[in-house]
Amino acid sequence: MENFDNYDSNYYDYNYTEGITEAPHDSAVFAHKATCLAEALCVGLLVISIFIFLLGFLGNALVIWISGFKMRKTVNTTWYLSLAISDFVFCAFLPFSIVNMVMEEWIFGRFMCKFVSSVMFLNMFSSIFLLVVISIDRCMSVVFPVWSQNHRTVNKASVVVCLSWALAIVLCVPSAIYREVGSHMGRTICYNNYTSSQYGHKTVAVSRFFAGFVVPFAIIIICYSIIILKLRTNRLTKSSKPFKVMTALVLAFFVCWLPYHVFVLLELDHQKYDHNVLVTGLKVGTSLAAANSFLNPVLYVFMGNDFKQKFKSSMLSKMENAMGDEGRTISRYLSRSSSMDARASTHI
């Protein structure tokens, strides 16, 4: 099996384990020297990672504070609070990856190797599952407005969020099982060890692609198609505000995570592709996936109001408007639909 020298990030799905020992005892033979700061690509990704950490950590903390403590608790704020928590947890552990990138060595032990790596996939699964839940919620509000008005509660939304997180945690188990610490070329690395299972690597990669990308997006597209058809048929509202934030979140997730999944699947047959292309693709794809965690709070801010108004209102009020507009517009839609149903029933 081909042997790669690039184990720079603890998130990459490399399956090249030849020459890796279970314990780091070969440092006397090889004297590893970190070269990241001398490589343009590595320096660039390092700067991007630090940028993602700072914006993602502070931005999501701000969203958590506003949606959790400053705004009235609603179904909408429950969805966005959970998304912000998912992104915040991921960003909080990003410094481990940054240190690993600079040192080109894993110094945090076996437990953190498994745990930190699992956090990325917890973020991936929980984010996309919550986007699916929000899409279904929007669809039900438009197709069955009266039913939604009577049954759409914060308590039920909280239960759905907990179930989504539970499913995401279950799907992260393979990340913890296959992640190991070993020694390679004089350095301790955190890598994926699939040698114990013949089809483990392919099973994990394909299942993540379908469970964390293909199936959720199919559901989201179906929900959006139904919403668009229903609104065009009834012409009950001309406002696009209820869907602007959600559309931006979905597109951001798609753009950020698609390259990562593509290169992970290509890496399954790494013999067919150029080594440097795969390594570069996985590094860039992983950094782009991480960028999704800081994009969400940015979208909360800039999707709520018109461009001119962004500079006239405060940061806090913009974020509150972005998340509150959906609830107010959907509530107006529900009330209008209810009154129409009531008028219709008097003529039957």
Protein backbone atom coordinates (compact mmCIF):
# COMPACT_ATOMS: atom_id res chain seq x y z
CA MET A 1 0.00 0.00 0.00
CA GLU A 2 1.24 3.48 -0.87
CA ASN A 3 2.69 5.47 1.99
CA PHE A 4 1.80 9.16 2.40
CA ASP A 5 3.86 11.64 4.36
CA ASN A 6 0.99 14.08 4.79
CA TYR A 7 -0.88 13.51 8.03
CA ASP A 8 -1.07 17.20 8.80
CA SER A 9 -4.72 17.41 9.81
CA ASN A 10 -6.42 15.15 12.30
CA TYR A 11 -9.57 15.20 10.14
CA TYR A 12 -8.35 13.74 6.86
CA ASP A 13 -9.57 10.34 5.78
CA TYR A 14 -6.23 8.97 4.67
CA ASN A 15 -6.07 5.19 4.61
CA TYR A 16 -2.35 4.87 4.12
CA THR A 17 -1.07 3.03 7.18
CA GLU A 18 2.06 1.29 5.94
CA GLY A 19 5.03 2.19 8.11
CA ILE A 20 2.87 3.44 10.98
CA THR A 21 3.51 1.84 14.34
CA GLU A 22 1.07 1.73 17.24
CA ALA A 23 3.43 3.53 19.60
CA PRO A 24 5.77 6.43 18.77
CA HIS A 25 9.15 4.74 19.41
CA ASP A 26 10.95 5.46 16.15
CA SER A 27 11.87 9.08 16.86
CA ALA A 28 15.49 8.04 17.40
CA VAL A 29 15.69 6.92 13.78
CA PHE A 30 13.91 9.87 12.21
CA ALA A 31 14.26 13.47 13.34
CA HIS A 32 11.11 15.19 12.10
CA LYS A 33 11.15 18.90 11.39
CA ALA A 34 7.92 20.78 10.77
CA THR A 35 7.82 22.43 7.34
CA CYS A 36 4.32 23.95 7.37
CA LEU A 37 5.48 27.53 7.83
CA ALA A 38 7.75 27.15 4.80
CA GLU A 39 4.94 26.01 2.47
CA ALA A 40 2.58 28.54 0.89
CA LEU A 41 -0.45 26.22 0.89
CA CYS A 42 0.01 25.23 4.51
CA VAL A 43 0.48 28.84 5.63
CA GLY A 44 -2.60 29.87 3.69
CA LEU A 45 -4.73 27.11 5.23
CA LEU A 46 -3.32 27.95 8.65
CA VAL A 47 -4.37 31.60 8.31
CA ILE A 48 -7.81 30.51 7.10
CA SER A 49 -8.18 28.13 10.04
CA ILE A 50 -7.30 30.85 12.55
CA PHE A 51 -9.75 33.19 10.81
CA ILE A 52 -12.49 30.53 10.95
CA PHE A 53 -11.79 29.92 14.64
CA LEU A 54 -11.95 33.58 15.63
CA LEU A 55 -15.05 34.47 13.60
CA GLY A 56 -16.79 31.15 14.24
CA PHE A 57 -16.16 31.11 17.99
CA LEU A 58 -17.16 34.72 18.59
CA GLY A 59 -19.95 34.80 16.01
CA ASN A 60 -21.67 31.65 17.21
CA ALA A 61 -21.24 32.69 20.83
CA LEU A 62 -23.06 35.91 19.93
CA VAL A 63 -25.86 33.97 18.21
CA ILE A 64 -26.19 31.68 21.24
CA TRP A 65 -26.38 34.70 23.55
CA ILE A 66 -29.00 36.50 21.44
CA SER A 67 -31.21 33.53 20.54
CA GLY A 68 -30.86 31.87 23.93
CA PHE A 69 -31.07 34.86 26.31
CA LYS A 70 -32.14 38.03 24.49
CA MET A 71 -34.98 36.80 22.26
CA ARG A 72 -38.30 35.28 23.14
CA LYS A 73 -38.07 31.50 22.92
CA THR A 74 -39.84 30.30 19.79
CA VAL A 75 -39.62 27.36 17.43
CA ASN A 76 -37.42 29.39 15.06
CA THR A 77 -34.97 30.48 17.76
CA THR A 78 -34.81 26.86 18.96
CA TRP A 79 -33.66 25.73 15.50
CA TYR A 80 -31.05 28.47 15.13
CA LEU A 81 -29.81 28.15 18.71
CA SER A 82 -29.10 24.47 18.12
CA LEU A 83 -27.28 25.22 14.86
CA ALA A 84 -25.18 27.84 16.62
CA ILE A 85 -24.30 25.42 19.44
CA SER A 86 -23.18 22.83 16.90
CA ASP A 87 -20.93 25.33 15.13
CA PHE A 88 -19.66 26.77 18.41
CA VAL A 89 -18.56 23.36 19.73
CA PHE A 90 -16.72 22.65 16.48
CA CYS A 91 -14.92 26.01 16.55
CA ALA A 92 -14.00 25.54 20.21
CA PHE A 93 -11.98 22.44 19.30
CA LEU A 94 -10.46 23.89 16.13
CA PRO A 95 -7.26 25.06 17.95
CA PHE A 96 -6.28 21.39 18.35
CA SER A 97 -6.23 21.10 14.57
CA ILE A 98 -4.37 24.38 14.20
CA VAL A 99 -1.62 23.27 16.58
CA ASN A 100 -1.44 19.93 14.79
CA MET A 101 -1.14 21.72 11.45
CA VAL A 102 1.75 23.89 12.62
CA MET A 103 3.67 21.14 14.42
CA GLU A 104 2.73 18.43 11.90
CA GLU A 105 2.48 16.17 14.91
CA TRP A 106 -0.31 15.08 17.29
CA ILE A 107 0.62 15.88 20.89
CA PHE A 108 -2.77 15.59 22.62
CA GLY A 109 -3.01 11.84 23.17
CA ARG A 110 -5.21 9.01 21.96
CA PHE A 111 -8.48 10.12 23.59
CA MET A 112 -8.37 13.61 22.12
CA CYS A 113 -7.38 12.15 18.75
CA LYS A 114 -10.65 10.22 18.71
CA PHE A 115 -12.75 12.93 20.35
CA VAL A 116 -11.62 15.99 18.38
CA SER A 117 -11.94 14.13 15.09
CA SER A 118 -15.49 13.07 16.01
CA VAL A 119 -16.49 16.67 16.74
CA MET A 120 -16.18 17.60 13.06
CA PHE A 121 -18.58 14.88 12.00
CA LEU A 122 -20.90 15.68 14.89
CA ASN A 123 -21.04 19.20 13.49
CA MET A 124 -21.64 17.91 9.97
CA PHE A 125 -24.44 15.51 10.86
CA SER A 126 -26.17 17.74 13.43
CA SER A 127 -26.10 20.75 11.06
CA ILE A 128 -27.57 18.95 8.08
CA PHE A 129 -30.16 17.12 10.20
CA LEU A 130 -31.28 20.44 11.68
CA LEU A 131 -31.50 21.97 8.21
CA VAL A 132 -33.71 19.04 7.19
CA VAL A 133 -35.89 19.55 10.26
CA ILE A 134 -36.23 23.27 9.51
CA SER A 135 -37.15 22.51 5.90
CA ILE A 136 -39.84 20.04 6.97
CA ASP A 137 -41.10 22.57 9.54
CA ARG A 138 -41.38 25.28 6.86
CA CYS A 139 -43.11 22.87 4.51
CA MET A 140 -45.67 21.83 7.14
CA SER A 141 -46.34 25.48 8.01
CA VAL A 142 -47.18 26.26 4.39
CA VAL A 143 -49.08 23.08 3.44
CA PHE A 144 -50.93 22.61 6.75
CA PRO A 145 -51.04 26.09 8.30
CA VAL A 146 -53.87 25.50 10.76
CA TRP A 147 -52.45 22.20 12.01
CA SER A 148 -49.01 23.77 12.37
CA GLN A 149 -50.39 26.71 14.31
CA ASN A 150 -52.01 24.34 16.80
CA HIS A 151 -49.18 21.78 17.12
CA ARG A 152 -45.98 23.73 16.42
CA THR A 153 -44.61 24.25 19.95
CA VAL A 154 -41.24 24.98 21.51
CA ASN A 155 -41.35 21.78 23.59
CA LYS A 156 -41.89 19.61 20.52
CA ALA A 157 -39.16 21.48 18.67
CA SER A 158 -36.78 20.82 21.58
CA VAL A 159 -37.57 17.10 21.46
CA VAL A 160 -36.89 17.02 17.70
CA VAL A 161 -33.57 18.82 18.25
CA CYS A 162 -32.54 16.28 20.89
CA LEU A 163 -33.41 13.39 18.55
CA SER A 164 -31.38 15.00 15.76
CA TRP A 165 -28.38 15.35 18.04
CA ALA A 166 -28.75 11.76 19.27
CA LEU A 167 -28.74 10.45 15.69
CA ALA A 168 -25.73 12.62 14.85
CA ILE A 169 -23.82 11.24 17.86
CA VAL A 170 -24.58 7.66 16.80
CA LEU A 171 -23.26 8.32 13.29
CA CYS A 172 -20.05 9.76 14.79
CA VAL A 173 -19.17 6.46 16.50
CA PRO A 174 -17.10 5.14 13.53
CA SER A 175 -14.92 8.25 13.75
CA ALA A 176 -13.99 7.31 17.31
CA ILE A 177 -13.58 3.60 16.56
CA TYR A 178 -11.18 3.91 13.62
CA ARG A 179 -9.17 6.91 14.83
CA GLU A 180 -5.78 5.94 16.29
CA VAL A 181 -2.45 7.45 17.33
CA GLY A 182 0.72 6.04 15.80
CA SER A 183 4.25 6.91 14.78
CA HIS A 184 5.39 7.70 11.27
CA MET A 185 8.71 9.14 10.09
CA GLY A 186 9.70 10.32 13.55
CA ARG A 187 6.43 12.00 14.50
CA THR A 188 3.28 11.05 16.37
CA ILE A 189 0.20 11.26 14.17
CA CYS A 190 -3.56 10.97 14.54
CA TYR A 191 -4.89 8.94 11.62
CA ASN A 192 -7.66 6.62 10.42
CA ASN A 193 -6.71 2.96 10.88
CA TYR A 194 -9.02 0.84 8.73
CA THR A 195 -6.73 -2.19 8.60
CA SER A 196 -8.92 -4.10 11.09
CA SER A 197 -11.85 -4.11 8.64
CA GLN A 198 -11.57 -4.97 4.95
CA TYR A 199 -14.47 -2.73 3.92
CA GLY A 200 -14.37 -0.32 6.87
CA HIS A 201 -12.94 2.63 4.96
CA LYS A 202 -15.40 2.37 2.07
CA THR A 203 -18.36 1.74 4.36
CA VAL A 204 -17.62 4.79 6.51
CA ALA A 205 -16.95 7.13 3.56
CA VAL A 206 -20.02 6.07 1.57
CA SER A 207 -22.35 6.08 4.59
CA ARG A 208 -21.22 9.59 5.54
CA PHE A 209 -21.80 10.79 1.99
CA PHE A 210 -25.35 9.42 1.81
CA ALA A 211 -26.47 9.96 5.42
CA GLY A 212 -24.79 13.35 5.79
CA PHE A 213 -25.24 14.77 2.30
CA VAL A 214 -27.28 13.03 -0.41
CA VAL A 215 -30.40 11.92 1.50
CA PRO A 216 -30.76 15.14 3.56
CA PHE A 217 -30.45 17.33 0.47
CA ALA A 218 -33.00 15.24 -1.39
CA ILE A 219 -35.47 15.84 1.47
CA ILE A 220 -34.66 19.56 1.55
CA ILE A 221 -35.17 19.92 -2.21
CA ILE A 222 -38.53 18.10 -2.02
CA CYS A 223 -39.68 20.36 0.84
CA TYR A 224 -38.65 23.51 -1.00
CA SER A 225 -40.35 22.37 -4.19
CA ILE A 226 -43.60 21.82 -2.30
CA ILE A 227 -43.30 25.22 -0.59
CA ILE A 228 -42.73 27.07 -3.86
CA LEU A 229 -45.63 25.34 -5.60
CA LYS A 230 -47.97 25.96 -2.67
CA LEU A 231 -47.12 29.65 -2.36
CA ARG A 232 -47.44 30.22 -6.10
CA THR A 233 -50.81 28.49 -6.14
CA ASN A 234 -52.30 30.33 -3.17
CA ARG A 235 -50.48 33.62 -3.67
CA LEU A 236 -50.90 34.26 0.04
CA THR A 237 -47.62 36.06 0.41
CA LYS A 238 -45.19 37.89 -1.82
CA SER A 239 -42.47 38.08 0.80
CA SER A 240 -39.38 35.91 0.48
CA LYS A 241 -38.11 36.76 3.95
CA PRO A 242 -39.15 33.45 5.59
CA PHE A 243 -36.88 31.52 3.24
CA LYS A 244 -33.89 33.79 2.65
CA VAL A 245 -31.93 32.75 5.71
CA MET A 246 -32.79 29.07 5.30
CA THR A 247 -31.86 29.10 1.60
CA ALA A 248 -28.52 30.74 2.38
CA LEU A 249 -27.77 28.20 5.13
CA VAL A 250 -28.54 25.26 2.84
CA LEU A 251 -26.46 26.64 -0.05
CA ALA A 252 -23.57 27.39 2.31
CA PHE A 253 -23.63 23.84 3.65
CA PHE A 254 -23.77 22.41 0.12
CA VAL A 255 -20.86 24.51 -1.20
CA CYS A 256 -18.71 23.97 1.89
CA TRP A 257 -19.15 20.21 2.25
CA LEU A 258 -19.41 18.96 -1.37
CA PRO A 259 -15.64 19.25 -2.16
CA TYR A 260 -14.77 17.36 1.04
CA HIS A 261 -17.07 14.44 0.20
CA VAL A 262 -15.86 14.34 -3.41
CA PHE A 263 -12.19 13.99 -2.44
CA VAL A 264 -12.94 11.51 0.35
CA LEU A 265 -14.71 9.29 -2.21
CA LEU A 266 -11.86 9.74 -4.71
CA GLU A 267 -9.41 8.75 -1.99
CA LEU A 268 -11.05 5.30 -1.78
CA ASP A 269 -9.32 4.48 -5.10
CA HIS A 270 -6.19 6.55 -4.44
CA GLN A 271 -4.09 4.43 -6.83
CA LYS A 272 -5.97 5.94 -9.79
CA TYR A 273 -5.31 9.56 -8.92
CA ASP A 274 -2.33 11.82 -8.47
CA HIS A 275 -1.03 11.81 -4.91
CA ASN A 276 -0.54 15.59 -4.70
CA VAL A 277 -4.01 16.29 -6.09
CA LEU A 278 -5.63 14.11 -3.45
CA VAL A 279 -3.60 15.60 -0.61
CA THR A 280 -4.29 19.17 -1.71
CA GLY A 281 -7.96 18.43 -2.35
CA LEU A 282 -8.45 16.88 1.08
CA LYS A 283 -6.69 19.77 2.81
CA VAL A 284 -8.64 22.45 0.96
CA GLY A 285 -11.90 20.48 1.22
CA THR A 286 -11.51 20.10 4.97
CA SER A 287 -10.77 23.81 5.44
CA LEU A 288 -13.78 24.70 3.30
CA ALA A 289 -15.97 22.38 5.38
CA ALA A 290 -14.72 24.09 8.54
CA ALA A 291 -15.62 27.46 7.04
CA ASN A 292 -19.29 26.52 7.19
CA SER A 293 -19.17 26.97 10.97
CA PHE A 294 -18.37 30.68 10.76
CA LEU A 295 -20.57 31.40 7.73
CA ASN A 296 -23.81 30.62 9.58
CA PRO A 297 -23.65 33.54 12.08
CA VAL A 298 -22.59 35.83 9.23
CA LEU A 299 -25.69 34.78 7.30
CA TYR A 300 -27.90 35.40 10.32
CA VAL A 301 -26.66 39.00 10.33
CA PHE A 302 -26.74 39.93 6.66
CA MET A 303 -29.85 38.11 5.44
CA GLY A 304 -32.33 39.85 7.70
CA ASN A 305 -32.41 43.37 6.26
CA ASP A 306 -31.68 45.27 3.07
CA PHE A 307 -28.08 46.18 2.33
CA LYS A 308 -28.55 49.86 3.17
CA GLN A 309 -30.18 49.07 6.49
CA LYS A 310 -27.27 46.86 7.56
CA PHE A 311 -25.15 49.91 8.19
CA LYS A 312 -27.89 51.82 9.98
CA SER A 313 -28.76 49.25 12.64
CA SER A 314 -26.60 47.62 15.28
CA MET A 315 -25.07 44.17 14.99
CA LEU A 316 -27.34 42.76 17.68
CA SER A 317 -30.54 44.12 16.18
CA LYS A 318 -29.58 42.81 12.74
CA MET A 319 -29.08 39.31 14.08
CA GLU A 320 -32.35 39.51 15.99
CA ASN A 321 -34.18 40.74 12.88
CA ALA A 322 -32.67 38.00 10.74
CA MET A 323 -33.96 35.28 13.03
CA GLY A 324 -37.18 37.08 13.98
CA ASP A 325 -38.35 37.96 10.46
CA GLU A 326 -39.07 34.34 9.69
CA GLY A 327 -41.26 33.87 12.73
CA ARG A 328 -43.21 37.08 12.14
CA THR A 329 -43.78 36.43 8.45
CA ILE A 330 -44.80 32.80 8.95
CA SER A 331 -47.11 33.83 11.80
CA ARG A 332 -48.80 36.33 9.47
CA TYR A 333 -49.10 33.60 6.86
CA LEU A 334 -50.59 31.16 9.39
CA SER A 335 -53.07 33.75 10.68
CA ARG A 336 -54.10 34.69 7.16
CA SER A 337 -54.55 31.05 6.23
CA SER A 338 -56.58 30.39 9.38
CA SER A 339 -58.92 33.29 8.67
CA MET A 340 -59.38 32.12 5.09
CA ASP A 341 -60.22 28.61 6.32
CA ALA A 342 -62.69 30.07 8.81
CA ARG A 343 -64.42 32.16 6.14
CA ALA A 344 -64.57 29.16 3.84
CA SER A 345 -66.17 27.00 6.54
CA THR A 346 -69.05 29.48 7.00
CA HIS A 347 -70.08 28.96 3.39
CA ILE A 348 -70.15 25.16 3.51
